[in-house]
N, C-alpha and C. Protein backbone atom coordinates (compact mmCIF):
# COMPACT_ATOMS: atom_id res chain seq x y z
N MET A 1 186.67 -79.08 375.20
CA MET A 1 185.99 -79.91 374.02
C MET A 1 184.89 -79.87 373.85
N GLN A 2 183.75 -79.87 372.87
CA GLN A 2 182.39 -79.77 372.65
C GLN A 2 181.90 -80.74 372.24
N ARG A 3 180.94 -81.17 372.30
CA ARG A 3 180.16 -82.37 371.97
C ARG A 3 179.38 -82.22 371.13
N ARG A 4 179.23 -83.00 369.83
CA ARG A 4 178.42 -82.86 368.63
C ARG A 4 177.40 -83.92 368.94
N ASN A 5 176.26 -83.52 368.13
CA ASN A 5 175.25 -84.66 367.83
C ASN A 5 175.53 -85.00 366.91
N ALA A 6 174.81 -86.59 366.36
CA ALA A 6 174.99 -86.65 365.11
C ALA A 6 174.82 -86.16 363.91
N GLY A 7 173.18 -85.17 364.08
CA GLY A 7 172.28 -84.76 363.38
C GLY A 7 172.63 -83.65 363.08
N GLY A 8 173.14 -82.90 363.92
CA GLY A 8 173.86 -81.36 363.87
C GLY A 8 172.75 -80.82 365.30
N GLY A 9 172.07 -81.90 366.04
CA GLY A 9 170.97 -81.23 366.74
C GLY A 9 169.64 -81.32 366.59
N PHE A 10 168.69 -80.82 367.22
CA PHE A 10 167.37 -81.42 366.34
C PHE A 10 166.95 -80.42 365.58
N SER A 11 166.09 -80.95 364.47
CA SER A 11 165.20 -79.88 363.24
C SER A 11 164.25 -79.29 363.76
N PRO A 12 163.97 -78.30 362.74
CA PRO A 12 162.75 -77.75 363.66
C PRO A 12 161.19 -78.70 363.11
N GLY A 13 161.13 -79.70 362.70
CA GLY A 13 160.13 -80.18 362.60
C GLY A 13 160.11 -81.29 363.81
N MET A 14 161.04 -81.50 364.79
CA MET A 14 160.92 -82.65 365.90
C MET A 14 160.40 -82.25 367.08
N TRP A 15 160.16 -80.70 366.69
CA TRP A 15 159.48 -79.83 368.20
C TRP A 15 157.97 -80.10 368.46
N ALA A 16 157.78 -80.42 369.80
CA ALA A 16 156.32 -80.69 369.94
C ALA A 16 155.62 -79.55 369.22
N LYS A 17 154.60 -80.04 369.06
CA LYS A 17 152.89 -79.37 368.56
C LYS A 17 152.14 -78.98 369.50
N LYS A 18 151.39 -78.35 370.05
CA LYS A 18 150.48 -77.82 370.27
C LYS A 18 148.83 -78.39 370.23
N ASN A 19 148.47 -78.85 370.97
CA ASN A 19 147.03 -79.58 370.73
C ASN A 19 146.45 -78.52 371.32
N LYS A 20 145.28 -78.08 369.97
CA LYS A 20 144.57 -77.44 371.02
C LYS A 20 143.27 -77.70 371.76
N PHE A 21 143.28 -78.71 371.62
CA PHE A 21 142.23 -79.46 372.79
C PHE A 21 142.57 -79.76 373.81
N VAL A 22 144.32 -80.44 374.49
CA VAL A 22 144.85 -79.94 375.07
C VAL A 22 144.82 -79.20 375.89
N GLU A 23 145.72 -78.15 375.28
CA GLU A 23 145.88 -76.58 375.62
C GLU A 23 144.22 -75.83 376.33
N GLU A 24 143.42 -76.51 375.90
CA GLU A 24 141.67 -75.91 376.41
C GLU A 24 141.26 -76.81 377.93
N TRP A 25 141.69 -77.75 377.39
CA TRP A 25 141.31 -78.65 378.75
C TRP A 25 142.65 -78.02 379.85
N ASN A 26 143.37 -77.94 379.89
CA ASN A 26 144.17 -77.70 380.95
C ASN A 26 144.14 -76.19 381.26
N GLY A 27 143.84 -75.30 380.49
CA GLY A 27 143.30 -73.65 381.06
C GLY A 27 141.71 -73.59 382.02
N ARG A 28 141.02 -74.74 381.21
CA ARG A 28 139.95 -74.81 382.17
C ARG A 28 139.96 -75.63 383.73
N ARG A 29 141.02 -76.32 383.49
CA ARG A 29 141.36 -77.04 384.75
C ARG A 29 142.01 -76.57 385.67
N GLU A 30 142.55 -75.22 384.95
CA GLU A 30 142.94 -74.19 386.22
C GLU A 30 142.06 -73.34 386.83
N ILE A 31 140.50 -72.87 385.79
CA ILE A 31 139.70 -72.09 386.54
C ILE A 31 138.93 -73.36 387.21
N THR A 32 138.96 -74.90 387.36
CA THR A 32 137.66 -74.93 388.02
C THR A 32 137.26 -74.73 389.10
N GLU A 33 137.66 -74.06 389.82
CA GLU A 33 137.29 -74.08 391.45
C GLU A 33 136.72 -72.24 391.07
N LYS A 34 136.94 -71.82 390.15
CA LYS A 34 136.15 -70.40 390.19
C LYS A 34 134.74 -70.79 388.81
N SER A 35 134.94 -71.64 388.35
CA SER A 35 133.86 -72.17 387.70
C SER A 35 132.71 -73.11 388.28
N PHE A 36 132.85 -73.80 389.37
CA PHE A 36 132.12 -75.03 389.86
C PHE A 36 131.02 -74.29 391.07
N GLU A 37 129.68 -74.50 390.27
CA GLU A 37 128.79 -74.19 390.78
C GLU A 37 128.22 -75.26 392.08
N LEU A 38 127.33 -75.33 393.09
CA LEU A 38 126.80 -75.98 393.81
C LEU A 38 125.38 -75.60 393.76
N ASN A 39 125.17 -76.64 393.14
CA ASN A 39 123.36 -76.49 392.88
C ASN A 39 122.73 -77.88 393.14
N ASN A 40 121.49 -77.86 392.90
CA ASN A 40 120.54 -79.35 392.92
C ASN A 40 121.17 -80.82 392.33
N LYS A 41 121.71 -79.81 391.38
CA LYS A 41 122.76 -81.13 390.41
C LYS A 41 123.59 -81.94 391.16
N THR A 42 124.78 -80.97 391.31
CA THR A 42 125.87 -81.42 391.53
C THR A 42 126.19 -82.15 392.84
N VAL A 43 125.15 -81.15 394.56
CA VAL A 43 125.04 -81.96 395.74
C VAL A 43 124.95 -83.60 396.11
N PRO A 44 124.27 -84.08 394.96
CA PRO A 44 124.07 -85.44 395.26
C PRO A 44 125.58 -86.43 394.75
N THR A 45 126.09 -85.83 393.90
CA THR A 45 127.77 -86.26 393.17
C THR A 45 128.70 -85.84 394.19
N LEU A 46 128.36 -85.02 394.80
CA LEU A 46 129.56 -84.45 395.87
C LEU A 46 129.40 -85.17 397.16
N ILE A 47 128.15 -85.62 397.77
CA ILE A 47 127.76 -86.15 398.70
C ILE A 47 128.41 -87.50 398.68
N MET A 48 128.00 -88.58 397.15
CA MET A 48 128.17 -89.37 396.73
C MET A 48 130.15 -89.89 396.76
N THR A 49 130.57 -88.54 396.52
CA THR A 49 132.00 -88.96 396.20
C THR A 49 132.88 -88.91 397.25
N CYS A 50 132.14 -87.77 398.42
CA CYS A 50 133.09 -87.33 399.48
C CYS A 50 132.71 -88.03 400.78
N LEU A 51 131.44 -88.81 401.06
CA LEU A 51 131.02 -89.46 401.84
C LEU A 51 130.59 -90.86 401.61
N LEU A 52 129.92 -91.18 400.95
CA LEU A 52 129.16 -92.57 400.99
C LEU A 52 130.20 -93.58 400.34
N PHE A 53 131.14 -92.51 398.98
CA PHE A 53 131.96 -93.99 398.45
C PHE A 53 133.15 -93.98 399.35
N PRO A 54 133.81 -92.98 400.10
CA PRO A 54 135.21 -93.44 401.22
C PRO A 54 134.53 -94.60 402.18
N ALA A 55 133.24 -94.29 402.97
CA ALA A 55 132.69 -94.85 404.06
C ALA A 55 132.51 -96.76 403.50
N PHE A 56 131.84 -96.31 402.29
CA PHE A 56 131.34 -97.83 401.52
C PHE A 56 132.93 -98.43 401.54
N VAL A 57 133.53 -97.90 401.06
CA VAL A 57 135.53 -98.65 401.01
C VAL A 57 135.54 -99.31 402.51
N TRP A 58 135.55 -98.12 403.18
CA TRP A 58 136.32 -98.36 404.84
C TRP A 58 135.46 -99.37 405.37
N LYS A 59 134.09 -99.40 405.12
CA LYS A 59 133.26 -100.55 405.87
C LYS A 59 133.53 -102.07 405.03
N THR A 60 133.96 -102.17 403.72
CA THR A 60 134.02 -103.41 402.93
C THR A 60 135.86 -103.59 403.62
N THR A 61 136.72 -102.75 403.79
CA THR A 61 138.05 -103.44 404.18
C THR A 61 138.15 -103.84 405.61
N ALA A 62 137.00 -102.86 406.47
CA ALA A 62 136.71 -103.50 407.85
C ALA A 62 136.62 -104.57 407.87
N HIS A 63 135.13 -105.09 407.26
CA HIS A 63 135.04 -106.75 407.40
C HIS A 63 135.70 -107.59 406.43
N GLU A 64 136.43 -106.88 405.60
CA GLU A 64 137.15 -108.35 405.16
C GLU A 64 138.53 -108.54 406.31
N LEU A 65 138.96 -107.71 407.10
CA LEU A 65 140.45 -107.63 407.80
C LEU A 65 139.55 -108.40 409.07
N HIS A 66 138.49 -107.87 409.47
CA HIS A 66 137.56 -108.92 410.71
C HIS A 66 137.44 -110.45 410.07
N LYS A 67 136.55 -110.83 408.90
CA LYS A 67 136.89 -111.75 408.56
C LYS A 67 137.85 -112.70 408.18
N THR A 68 139.54 -112.05 408.37
CA THR A 68 140.61 -112.71 408.09
C THR A 68 141.00 -113.08 409.00
N GLY A 69 140.51 -112.16 410.10
CA GLY A 69 141.06 -112.49 411.60
C GLY A 69 142.79 -111.86 411.68
N GLY A 70 142.63 -110.40 411.27
CA GLY A 70 144.06 -109.88 411.50
C GLY A 70 144.42 -109.44 413.22
N PRO A 71 145.50 -109.60 413.78
CA PRO A 71 145.54 -109.40 415.18
C PRO A 71 145.19 -107.97 415.27
N SER A 72 145.77 -107.14 414.58
CA SER A 72 145.77 -105.62 414.95
C SER A 72 144.72 -105.21 414.70
N PHE A 73 143.87 -105.44 413.75
CA PHE A 73 142.41 -104.85 413.63
C PHE A 73 141.25 -105.68 414.65
N GLN A 74 141.55 -106.29 415.36
CA GLN A 74 140.37 -107.28 416.06
C GLN A 74 139.41 -106.01 416.86
N ASP A 75 140.25 -104.75 417.58
CA ASP A 75 139.08 -104.23 417.92
C ASP A 75 139.00 -102.56 417.07
N THR A 76 138.67 -102.70 415.79
CA THR A 76 138.16 -101.36 415.17
C THR A 76 136.55 -101.91 414.80
N CYS A 77 135.88 -100.77 414.83
CA CYS A 77 134.63 -100.65 414.95
C CYS A 77 133.86 -102.37 415.11
C-alpha cells in the first residue's frame, strides 16, 4: 500500500534556493589553509589565539579552583 501526502508532494516553490553569499563563504572556508599567509600582521593574532588566551583561561580557572578549595586541585601549579 502506497502512502500519499495531502498536497501531492512538494511543489517546486518549496525547494531551498541557494544564497550566493553563503555559497561563496563555504567555498572560501574550504580553501582557507591554502590562502592563509603568515606575515607580520597575522603573527600577533596567532600568538594571542593559540598561546595567551588559553594560558589566561587556564590560570584564571586554576586560581578559582585554589580559591574555592577543591580537594583534587590542591596540588595544581
